[in-house]
Amino acid sequence: MKIGKITVRRSYKLSRIICDIISLAGAAVIVYMTERFINGGEAISGERAAISAIFPALALGVLAVYAVLTLKNHAFKRYNITKKNAQDIYDWYAFSVSLIKLPLLLIIFESMLTFQEISLGIAVNLLNFRLFLYIFLIVIIIRMAIHRINTLSHEEKSTDVVHVRAAVVDENEEREKK
């Protein structure tokens, strides 16, 4: 895999593994609940059952997009990519993409529940404030990732420079002190 023109290795840190496990569990819950909704009730029309199949497809689509984004090469032309910072930039990018999956899956889950409640004739408030919070959370994660990648890619000053402080001391004063 390449970031810029630098080859990096795919690595998994504990935080990313936890995000991936939680998102796989969330996708499994969406698929299971949709299957139970379709097969569980006789009062559901065939049209509504077919429409409810969109939610597992969306959840699996989110996982597929995540796989594509983390496995393909990225140019990152706006950033100064060096051998020193390429691995850190990839790790942060992959974690951010993994972290974005969670609120996306929550949005799909909330939408699925609302659709199922409407289909069953349960009174539902269509203005779900949590959806706006999830979207806001996605924006925060994206902004944080951009800021962190900017910070990691800034040019480092040359470390070959040594700063020396010198003080002028009169030799006669030093002799008098002794």
N, C-alpha and C. Protein backbone atom coordinates (compact mmCIF):
# COMPACT_ATOMS: atom_id res chain seq x y z
N MET A 1 0.85 -1.17 0.00
CA MET A 1 0.00 0.00 0.00
C MET A 1 0.89 1.23 0.00
N LYS A 2 0.47 2.25 -0.70
CA LYS A 2 1.27 3.47 -0.79
C LYS A 2 0.48 4.68 -0.29
N ILE A 3 1.17 5.50 0.46
CA ILE A 3 0.68 6.82 0.86
C ILE A 3 1.63 7.80 0.18
N GLY A 4 1.09 8.62 -0.71
CA GLY A 4 1.98 9.45 -1.51
C GLY A 4 2.79 8.52 -2.40
N LYS A 5 4.10 8.62 -2.32
CA LYS A 5 4.97 7.71 -3.07
C LYS A 5 5.71 6.76 -2.13
N ILE A 6 5.34 6.76 -0.88
CA ILE A 6 5.99 5.95 0.14
C ILE A 6 5.16 4.68 0.40
N THR A 7 5.81 3.55 0.43
CA THR A 7 5.13 2.30 0.74
C THR A 7 5.01 2.15 2.25
N VAL A 8 3.81 1.86 2.71
CA VAL A 8 3.56 1.64 4.14
C VAL A 8 2.95 0.25 4.31
N ARG A 9 3.05 -0.26 5.51
CA ARG A 9 2.46 -1.56 5.79
C ARG A 9 1.09 -1.36 6.44
N ARG A 10 0.23 -2.31 6.20
CA ARG A 10 -1.08 -2.26 6.86
C ARG A 10 -0.90 -2.71 8.30
N SER A 11 -1.36 -1.90 9.19
CA SER A 11 -1.21 -2.24 10.60
C SER A 11 -2.54 -2.04 11.31
N TYR A 12 -2.74 -2.82 12.34
CA TYR A 12 -3.95 -2.72 13.14
C TYR A 12 -3.56 -2.42 14.57
N LYS A 13 -4.05 -1.33 15.07
CA LYS A 13 -3.88 -1.01 16.48
C LYS A 13 -5.13 -1.44 17.21
N LEU A 14 -5.04 -1.53 18.52
CA LEU A 14 -6.15 -2.02 19.32
C LEU A 14 -7.41 -1.18 19.13
N SER A 15 -7.26 0.14 19.05
CA SER A 15 -8.43 1.01 18.89
C SER A 15 -9.15 0.74 17.57
N ARG A 16 -8.40 0.50 16.53
CA ARG A 16 -9.02 0.22 15.23
C ARG A 16 -9.68 -1.16 15.23
N ILE A 17 -9.07 -2.11 15.87
CA ILE A 17 -9.67 -3.45 15.96
C ILE A 17 -11.00 -3.38 16.71
N ILE A 18 -11.03 -2.61 17.79
CA ILE A 18 -12.28 -2.46 18.56
C ILE A 18 -13.36 -1.80 17.71
N CYS A 19 -13.01 -0.74 16.96
CA CYS A 19 -13.98 -0.08 16.08
C CYS A 19 -14.50 -1.05 15.03
N ASP A 20 -13.62 -1.87 14.47
CA ASP A 20 -14.05 -2.82 13.44
C ASP A 20 -14.96 -3.89 14.02
N ILE A 21 -14.66 -4.37 15.21
CA ILE A 21 -15.50 -5.40 15.83
C ILE A 21 -16.88 -4.83 16.16
N ILE A 22 -16.91 -3.61 16.70
CA ILE A 22 -18.20 -2.99 17.03
C ILE A 22 -19.02 -2.74 15.77
N SER A 23 -18.36 -2.31 14.70
CA SER A 23 -19.10 -2.04 13.47
C SER A 23 -19.60 -3.33 12.83
N LEU A 24 -18.81 -4.41 12.90
CA LEU A 24 -19.30 -5.70 12.40
C LEU A 24 -20.50 -6.17 13.21
N ALA A 25 -20.44 -5.98 14.52
CA ALA A 25 -21.58 -6.35 15.37
C ALA A 25 -22.81 -5.51 15.03
N GLY A 26 -22.61 -4.21 14.80
CA GLY A 26 -23.72 -3.34 14.42
C GLY A 26 -24.35 -3.75 13.10
N ALA A 27 -23.52 -4.10 12.13
CA ALA A 27 -24.05 -4.56 10.84
C ALA A 27 -24.80 -5.88 11.01
N ALA A 28 -24.29 -6.76 11.86
CA ALA A 28 -24.97 -8.03 12.11
C ALA A 28 -26.33 -7.81 12.77
N VAL A 29 -26.41 -6.86 13.68
CA VAL A 29 -27.69 -6.54 14.34
C VAL A 29 -28.69 -6.00 13.33
N ILE A 30 -28.22 -5.15 12.43
CA ILE A 30 -29.11 -4.59 11.40
C ILE A 30 -29.65 -5.70 10.51
N VAL A 31 -28.77 -6.59 10.08
CA VAL A 31 -29.20 -7.71 9.22
C VAL A 31 -30.18 -8.61 9.98
N TYR A 32 -29.86 -8.94 11.22
CA TYR A 32 -30.72 -9.83 12.02
C TYR A 32 -32.09 -9.21 12.28
N MET A 33 -32.11 -7.94 12.66
CA MET A 33 -33.40 -7.29 12.95
C MET A 33 -34.26 -7.15 11.70
N THR A 34 -33.63 -6.91 10.57
CA THR A 34 -34.39 -6.82 9.32
C THR A 34 -34.97 -8.19 8.95
N GLU A 35 -34.18 -9.23 9.14
CA GLU A 35 -34.65 -10.58 8.84
C GLU A 35 -35.82 -10.95 9.75
N ARG A 36 -35.73 -10.60 11.02
CA ARG A 36 -36.81 -10.87 11.97
C ARG A 36 -38.07 -10.06 11.61
N PHE A 37 -37.87 -8.83 11.15
CA PHE A 37 -39.00 -7.98 10.76
C PHE A 37 -39.72 -8.56 9.55
N ILE A 38 -38.94 -9.01 8.57
CA ILE A 38 -39.55 -9.54 7.34
C ILE A 38 -40.25 -10.87 7.62
N ASN A 39 -39.61 -11.74 8.36
CA ASN A 39 -40.17 -13.09 8.59
C ASN A 39 -41.07 -13.18 9.80
N GLY A 40 -41.07 -12.16 10.65
CA GLY A 40 -41.79 -12.26 11.91
C GLY A 40 -43.25 -11.87 11.87
N GLY A 41 -43.65 -11.04 10.96
CA GLY A 41 -45.02 -10.55 11.03
C GLY A 41 -45.81 -10.81 9.77
N GLU A 42 -47.05 -11.27 9.95
CA GLU A 42 -47.94 -11.47 8.81
C GLU A 42 -48.58 -10.16 8.37
N ALA A 43 -48.58 -9.15 9.23
CA ALA A 43 -49.23 -7.88 8.92
C ALA A 43 -48.39 -7.01 7.99
N ILE A 44 -47.17 -7.45 7.68
CA ILE A 44 -46.27 -6.67 6.83
C ILE A 44 -46.56 -7.02 5.37
N SER A 45 -46.78 -5.99 4.57
CA SER A 45 -47.01 -6.24 3.14
C SER A 45 -45.69 -6.57 2.46
N GLY A 46 -45.78 -7.20 1.31
CA GLY A 46 -44.58 -7.57 0.55
C GLY A 46 -43.77 -6.37 0.12
N GLU A 47 -44.47 -5.28 -0.14
CA GLU A 47 -43.79 -4.05 -0.56
C GLU A 47 -42.93 -3.49 0.58
N ARG A 48 -43.46 -3.46 1.76
CA ARG A 48 -42.70 -2.95 2.91
C ARG A 48 -41.55 -3.88 3.27
N ALA A 49 -41.75 -5.17 3.10
CA ALA A 49 -40.68 -6.13 3.37
C ALA A 49 -39.54 -5.94 2.38
N ALA A 50 -39.88 -5.66 1.13
CA ALA A 50 -38.85 -5.44 0.11
C ALA A 50 -38.09 -4.14 0.38
N ILE A 51 -38.81 -3.11 0.80
CA ILE A 51 -38.15 -1.83 1.11
C ILE A 51 -37.23 -1.98 2.31
N SER A 52 -37.62 -2.80 3.29
CA SER A 52 -36.78 -2.94 4.49
C SER A 52 -35.46 -3.66 4.20
N ALA A 53 -35.36 -4.32 3.05
CA ALA A 53 -34.09 -4.96 2.68
C ALA A 53 -33.02 -3.95 2.31
N ILE A 54 -33.40 -2.68 2.18
CA ILE A 54 -32.42 -1.63 1.87
C ILE A 54 -31.44 -1.45 3.03
N PHE A 55 -31.90 -1.59 4.25
CA PHE A 55 -31.07 -1.29 5.41
C PHE A 55 -29.87 -2.23 5.57
N PRO A 56 -30.04 -3.56 5.42
CA PRO A 56 -28.85 -4.41 5.46
C PRO A 56 -27.91 -4.13 4.29
N ALA A 57 -28.48 -3.79 3.12
CA ALA A 57 -27.63 -3.46 1.98
C ALA A 57 -26.80 -2.21 2.26
N LEU A 58 -27.41 -1.22 2.90
CA LEU A 58 -26.67 -0.01 3.27
C LEU A 58 -25.56 -0.31 4.28
N ALA A 59 -25.87 -1.15 5.26
CA ALA A 59 -24.87 -1.50 6.28
C ALA A 59 -23.69 -2.24 5.65
N LEU A 60 -23.98 -3.19 4.78
CA LEU A 60 -22.91 -3.90 4.11
C LEU A 60 -22.16 -3.00 3.14
N GLY A 61 -22.86 -2.03 2.56
CA GLY A 61 -22.21 -1.04 1.70
C GLY A 61 -21.22 -0.18 2.46
N VAL A 62 -21.57 0.21 3.68
CA VAL A 62 -20.65 0.99 4.52
C VAL A 62 -19.39 0.19 4.79
N LEU A 63 -19.54 -1.10 5.09
CA LEU A 63 -18.37 -1.95 5.34
C LEU A 63 -17.53 -2.12 4.07
N ALA A 64 -18.17 -2.22 2.92
CA ALA A 64 -17.44 -2.36 1.66
C ALA A 64 -16.66 -1.08 1.33
N VAL A 65 -17.28 0.07 1.53
CA VAL A 65 -16.59 1.34 1.29
C VAL A 65 -15.39 1.49 2.23
N TYR A 66 -15.57 1.07 3.48
CA TYR A 66 -14.45 1.09 4.44
C TYR A 66 -13.29 0.24 3.94
N ALA A 67 -13.60 -0.97 3.45
CA ALA A 67 -12.54 -1.85 2.96
C ALA A 67 -11.81 -1.23 1.78
N VAL A 68 -12.55 -0.63 0.86
CA VAL A 68 -11.93 0.00 -0.31
C VAL A 68 -11.05 1.18 0.12
N LEU A 69 -11.56 2.02 1.02
CA LEU A 69 -10.80 3.20 1.43
C LEU A 69 -9.52 2.85 2.18
N THR A 70 -9.52 1.76 2.93
CA THR A 70 -8.31 1.41 3.69
C THR A 70 -7.35 0.55 2.89
N LEU A 71 -7.79 -0.08 1.81
CA LEU A 71 -6.91 -0.97 1.06
C LEU A 71 -6.31 -0.34 -0.18
N LYS A 72 -6.87 0.76 -0.66
CA LYS A 72 -6.33 1.36 -1.89
C LYS A 72 -5.23 2.38 -1.57
N ASN A 73 -4.42 2.67 -2.56
CA ASN A 73 -3.36 3.66 -2.41
C ASN A 73 -3.96 5.06 -2.43
N HIS A 74 -3.33 5.97 -1.68
CA HIS A 74 -3.80 7.35 -1.61
C HIS A 74 -2.65 8.29 -1.94
N ALA A 75 -2.95 9.30 -2.75
CA ALA A 75 -1.91 10.24 -3.17
C ALA A 75 -1.58 11.25 -2.08
N PHE A 76 -2.58 11.76 -1.39
CA PHE A 76 -2.39 12.80 -0.38
C PHE A 76 -1.48 13.91 -0.93
N LYS A 77 -1.87 14.47 -2.08
CA LYS A 77 -1.04 15.47 -2.77
C LYS A 77 -0.89 16.76 -1.98
N ARG A 78 -1.86 17.08 -1.16
CA ARG A 78 -1.80 18.34 -0.40
C ARG A 78 -0.83 18.28 0.77
N TYR A 79 -0.36 17.09 1.10
CA TYR A 79 0.43 16.92 2.31
C TYR A 79 1.87 16.57 1.97
N ASN A 80 2.76 16.91 2.87
CA ASN A 80 4.17 16.59 2.72
C ASN A 80 4.41 15.21 3.35
N ILE A 81 4.45 14.19 2.51
CA ILE A 81 4.61 12.82 2.97
C ILE A 81 6.09 12.44 2.88
N THR A 82 6.66 12.02 4.01
CA THR A 82 8.04 11.55 4.05
C THR A 82 8.05 10.13 4.61
N LYS A 83 9.22 9.52 4.57
CA LYS A 83 9.34 8.17 5.13
C LYS A 83 9.09 8.16 6.63
N LYS A 84 9.40 9.27 7.28
CA LYS A 84 9.22 9.35 8.73
C LYS A 84 7.75 9.42 9.13
N ASN A 85 6.94 10.12 8.35
CA ASN A 85 5.55 10.34 8.78
C ASN A 85 4.52 9.51 8.01
N ALA A 86 4.91 8.78 6.98
CA ALA A 86 3.95 8.06 6.14
C ALA A 86 3.17 7.00 6.93
N GLN A 87 3.85 6.24 7.76
CA GLN A 87 3.16 5.19 8.51
C GLN A 87 2.18 5.79 9.53
N ASP A 88 2.60 6.87 10.20
CA ASP A 88 1.70 7.52 11.16
C ASP A 88 0.48 8.11 10.47
N ILE A 89 0.67 8.70 9.30
CA ILE A 89 -0.44 9.26 8.55
C ILE A 89 -1.41 8.16 8.12
N TYR A 90 -0.88 7.03 7.64
CA TYR A 90 -1.76 5.93 7.25
C TYR A 90 -2.53 5.40 8.46
N ASP A 91 -1.84 5.21 9.59
CA ASP A 91 -2.52 4.69 10.78
C ASP A 91 -3.65 5.61 11.22
N TRP A 92 -3.40 6.91 11.21
CA TRP A 92 -4.42 7.85 11.63
C TRP A 92 -5.57 7.89 10.63
N TYR A 93 -5.25 7.85 9.34
CA TYR A 93 -6.28 7.85 8.30
C TYR A 93 -7.16 6.61 8.42
N ALA A 94 -6.55 5.44 8.57
CA ALA A 94 -7.31 4.19 8.66
C ALA A 94 -8.19 4.17 9.92
N PHE A 95 -7.66 4.69 11.04
CA PHE A 95 -8.46 4.74 12.26
C PHE A 95 -9.64 5.69 12.09
N SER A 96 -9.43 6.82 11.44
CA SER A 96 -10.51 7.79 11.24
C SER A 96 -11.62 7.21 10.37
N VAL A 97 -11.23 6.53 9.30
CA VAL A 97 -12.24 5.90 8.43
C VAL A 97 -12.99 4.82 9.20
N SER A 98 -12.27 4.08 10.03
CA SER A 98 -12.91 3.06 10.84
C SER A 98 -13.87 3.67 11.86
N LEU A 99 -13.49 4.80 12.41
CA LEU A 99 -14.31 5.46 13.42
C LEU A 99 -15.57 6.06 12.81
N ILE A 100 -15.50 6.50 11.58
CA ILE A 100 -16.66 7.09 10.91
C ILE A 100 -17.75 6.04 10.66
N LYS A 101 -17.35 4.78 10.55
CA LYS A 101 -18.34 3.72 10.32
C LYS A 101 -19.38 3.65 11.43
N LEU A 102 -18.96 3.90 12.66
CA LEU A 102 -19.88 3.72 13.79
C LEU A 102 -21.09 4.65 13.73
N PRO A 103 -20.91 5.98 13.58
CA PRO A 103 -22.11 6.81 13.47
C PRO A 103 -22.91 6.55 12.19
N LEU A 104 -22.24 6.16 11.11
CA LEU A 104 -22.99 5.82 9.89
C LEU A 104 -23.90 4.62 10.12
N LEU A 105 -23.37 3.61 10.80
CA LEU A 105 -24.20 2.44 11.10
C LEU A 105 -25.31 2.79 12.09
N LEU A 106 -25.05 3.70 13.00
CA LEU A 106 -26.10 4.15 13.92
C LEU A 106 -27.21 4.89 13.18
N ILE A 107 -26.85 5.68 12.19
CA ILE A 107 -27.85 6.37 11.37
C ILE A 107 -28.71 5.35 10.64
N ILE A 108 -28.09 4.33 10.06
CA ILE A 108 -28.84 3.29 9.37
C ILE A 108 -29.75 2.55 10.35
N PHE A 109 -29.23 2.25 11.53
CA PHE A 109 -30.02 1.54 12.55
C PHE A 109 -31.23 2.36 12.98
N GLU A 110 -31.02 3.63 13.27
CA GLU A 110 -32.13 4.50 13.70
C GLU A 110 -33.18 4.62 12.59
N SER A 111 -32.74 4.74 11.35
CA SER A 111 -33.67 4.84 10.23
C SER A 111 -34.45 3.55 10.06
N MET A 112 -33.76 2.41 10.25
CA MET A 112 -34.43 1.12 10.14
C MET A 112 -35.50 0.97 11.22
N LEU A 113 -35.18 1.37 12.45
CA LEU A 113 -36.16 1.27 13.52
C LEU A 113 -37.37 2.16 13.26
N THR A 114 -37.12 3.37 12.78
CA THR A 114 -38.22 4.28 12.47
C THR A 114 -39.11 3.69 11.37
N PHE A 115 -38.51 3.14 10.33
CA PHE A 115 -39.27 2.52 9.25
C PHE A 115 -40.10 1.35 9.76
N GLN A 116 -39.50 0.52 10.60
CA GLN A 116 -40.23 -0.64 11.12
C GLN A 116 -41.38 -0.22 12.02
N GLU A 117 -41.17 0.81 12.82
CA GLU A 117 -42.24 1.29 13.69
C GLU A 117 -43.39 1.87 12.87
N ILE A 118 -43.07 2.61 11.84
CA ILE A 118 -44.12 3.16 10.96
C ILE A 118 -44.87 2.02 10.28
N SER A 119 -44.13 1.00 9.82
CA SER A 119 -44.76 -0.13 9.15
C SER A 119 -45.69 -0.91 10.06
N LEU A 120 -45.36 -0.95 11.35
CA LEU A 120 -46.20 -1.67 12.31
C LEU A 120 -47.32 -0.81 12.88
N GLY A 121 -47.38 0.45 12.46
CA GLY A 121 -48.45 1.33 12.91
C GLY A 121 -48.20 1.96 14.26
N ILE A 122 -46.96 1.98 14.69
CA ILE A 122 -46.61 2.61 15.97
C ILE A 122 -46.37 4.09 15.72
N ALA A 123 -46.89 4.93 16.60
CA ALA A 123 -46.71 6.38 16.46
C ALA A 123 -45.24 6.73 16.68
N VAL A 124 -44.67 7.49 15.74
CA VAL A 124 -43.25 7.81 15.77
C VAL A 124 -43.06 9.29 15.50
N ASN A 125 -42.15 9.89 16.22
CA ASN A 125 -41.75 11.26 15.93
C ASN A 125 -40.70 11.20 14.82
N LEU A 126 -41.01 11.76 13.68
CA LEU A 126 -40.09 11.68 12.54
C LEU A 126 -38.87 12.58 12.69
N LEU A 127 -38.95 13.57 13.54
CA LEU A 127 -37.80 14.45 13.76
C LEU A 127 -36.93 13.82 14.85
N ASN A 128 -35.98 13.02 14.42
CA ASN A 128 -35.10 12.31 15.34
C ASN A 128 -33.84 13.15 15.54
N PHE A 129 -33.71 13.71 16.73
CA PHE A 129 -32.58 14.59 17.04
C PHE A 129 -31.25 13.84 17.03
N ARG A 130 -31.28 12.55 17.34
CA ARG A 130 -30.04 11.76 17.37
C ARG A 130 -29.38 11.69 16.01
N LEU A 131 -30.17 11.67 14.94
CA LEU A 131 -29.59 11.63 13.60
C LEU A 131 -28.72 12.86 13.34
N PHE A 132 -29.19 14.01 13.80
CA PHE A 132 -28.39 15.23 13.63
C PHE A 132 -27.10 15.16 14.46
N LEU A 133 -27.20 14.55 15.62
CA LEU A 133 -26.00 14.39 16.46
C LEU A 133 -25.00 13.45 15.80
N TYR A 134 -25.47 12.39 15.18
CA TYR A 134 -24.58 11.46 14.48
C TYR A 134 -23.88 12.14 13.30
N ILE A 135 -24.64 12.94 12.57
CA ILE A 135 -24.04 13.69 11.44
C ILE A 135 -23.00 14.67 11.97
N PHE A 136 -23.33 15.35 13.06
CA PHE A 136 -22.37 16.28 13.67
C PHE A 136 -21.12 15.54 14.14
N LEU A 137 -21.28 14.35 14.67
CA LEU A 137 -20.14 13.54 15.10
C LEU A 137 -19.26 13.14 13.92
N ILE A 138 -19.88 12.80 12.79
CA ILE A 138 -19.11 12.48 11.59
C ILE A 138 -18.29 13.67 11.13
N VAL A 139 -18.89 14.86 11.15
CA VAL A 139 -18.18 16.08 10.76
C VAL A 139 -17.00 16.33 11.71
N ILE A 140 -17.19 16.12 12.99
CA ILE A 140 -16.11 16.31 13.96
C ILE A 140 -14.97 15.33 13.70
N ILE A 141 -15.29 14.07 13.44
CA ILE A 141 -14.25 13.07 13.19
C ILE A 141 -13.47 13.42 11.93
N ILE A 142 -14.16 13.84 10.88
CA ILE A 142 -13.48 14.21 9.63
C ILE A 142 -12.57 15.41 9.86
N ARG A 143 -13.06 16.41 10.56
CA ARG A 143 -12.25 17.61 10.83
C ARG A 143 -11.04 17.27 11.69
N MET A 144 -11.24 16.42 12.68
CA MET A 144 -10.13 16.01 13.55
C MET A 144 -9.08 15.24 12.74
N ALA A 145 -9.52 14.37 11.83
CA ALA A 145 -8.58 13.61 11.01
C ALA A 145 -7.78 14.52 10.09
N ILE A 146 -8.45 15.48 9.49
CA ILE A 146 -7.74 16.42 8.61
C ILE A 146 -6.71 17.22 9.41
N HIS A 147 -7.11 17.69 10.58
CA HIS A 147 -6.18 18.46 11.42
C HIS A 147 -4.98 17.61 11.84
N ARG A 148 -5.23 16.37 12.23
CA ARG A 148 -4.14 15.50 12.68
C ARG A 148 -3.20 15.16 11.54
N ILE A 149 -3.73 14.89 10.35
CA ILE A 149 -2.88 14.59 9.20
C ILE A 149 -2.08 15.82 8.81
N ASN A 150 -2.69 17.02 8.89
CA ASN A 150 -1.93 18.26 8.65
C ASN A 150 -0.78 18.39 9.63
N THR A 151 -1.04 18.11 10.89
CA THR A 151 -0.01 18.22 11.92
C THR A 151 1.11 17.22 11.67
N LEU A 152 0.76 16.00 11.32
CA LEU A 152 1.78 14.98 11.09
C LEU A 152 2.61 15.25 9.84
N SER A 153 2.03 15.93 8.85
CA SER A 153 2.73 16.11 7.59
C SER A 153 3.51 17.42 7.49
N HIS A 154 3.45 18.26 8.51
CA HIS A 154 4.23 19.49 8.45
C HIS A 154 5.71 19.17 8.35
N GLU A 155 6.41 20.01 7.61
CA GLU A 155 7.85 19.81 7.46
C GLU A 155 8.52 19.99 8.80
N GLU A 156 9.39 19.05 9.10
CA GLU A 156 10.15 19.16 10.33
C GLU A 156 11.40 19.97 10.06
N LYS A 157 11.79 20.73 11.06
CA LYS A 157 13.02 21.50 10.91
C LYS A 157 14.19 20.55 10.96
N SER A 158 15.27 20.93 10.33
CA SER A 158 16.46 20.09 10.30
C SER A 158 16.96 19.85 11.72
N THR A 159 17.23 18.61 12.03
CA THR A 159 17.70 18.26 13.36
C THR A 159 19.23 18.30 13.45
N ASP A 160 19.89 18.67 12.35
CA ASP A 160 21.35 18.73 12.35
C ASP A 160 21.88 19.98 13.03
N VAL A 161 21.04 20.95 13.24
CA VAL A 161 21.46 22.21 13.83
C VAL A 161 21.56 22.04 15.34
N VAL A 162 22.66 22.53 15.88
CA VAL A 162 22.88 22.48 17.32
C VAL A 162 22.93 23.91 17.83
N HIS A 163 22.14 24.20 18.83
CA HIS A 163 22.13 25.53 19.41
C HIS A 163 23.08 25.55 20.59
N VAL A 164 23.99 26.54 20.58
CA VAL A 164 24.98 26.66 21.65
C VAL A 164 24.85 28.04 22.26
N ARG A 165 24.86 28.06 23.58
CA ARG A 165 24.85 29.35 24.29
C ARG A 165 26.23 29.56 24.88
N ALA A 166 26.72 30.74 24.70
CA ALA A 166 28.04 31.06 25.24
C ALA A 166 27.92 32.32 26.08
N ALA A 167 28.71 32.35 27.10
CA ALA A 167 28.75 33.54 27.95
C ALA A 167 30.20 33.99 28.05
N VAL A 168 30.38 35.28 27.98
CA VAL A 168 31.72 35.84 28.07
C VAL A 168 32.05 36.06 29.55
N VAL A 169 33.18 35.52 29.95
CA VAL A 169 33.60 35.63 31.33
C VAL A 169 35.02 36.21 31.35
N ASP A 170 35.19 37.13 32.23
CA ASP A 170 36.51 37.74 32.36
C ASP A 170 37.41 36.78 33.15
N GLU A 171 38.61 36.53 32.62
CA GLU A 171 39.53 35.59 33.25
C GLU A 171 39.98 36.09 34.62
N ASN A 172 40.18 37.38 34.76
CA ASN A 172 40.63 37.92 36.05
C ASN A 172 39.61 37.69 37.15
N GLU A 173 38.34 37.82 36.83
CA GLU A 173 37.30 37.58 37.84
C GLU A 173 37.27 36.13 38.27
N GLU A 174 37.51 35.23 37.34
CA GLU A 174 37.50 33.80 37.68
C GLU A 174 38.66 33.48 38.61
N ARG A 175 39.80 34.08 38.41
CA ARG A 175 40.97 33.81 39.25
C ARG A 175 40.74 34.36 40.65
N GLU A 176 40.09 35.50 40.74
CA GLU A 176 39.82 36.09 42.04
C GLU A 176 38.86 35.26 42.85
N LYS A 177 37.91 34.61 42.20
CA LYS A 177 36.94 33.77 42.89
C LYS A 177 37.61 32.56 43.50
N LYS A 178 38.66 32.05 42.87
CA LYS A 178 39.33 30.86 43.38
C LYS A 178 40.19 31.23 44.50
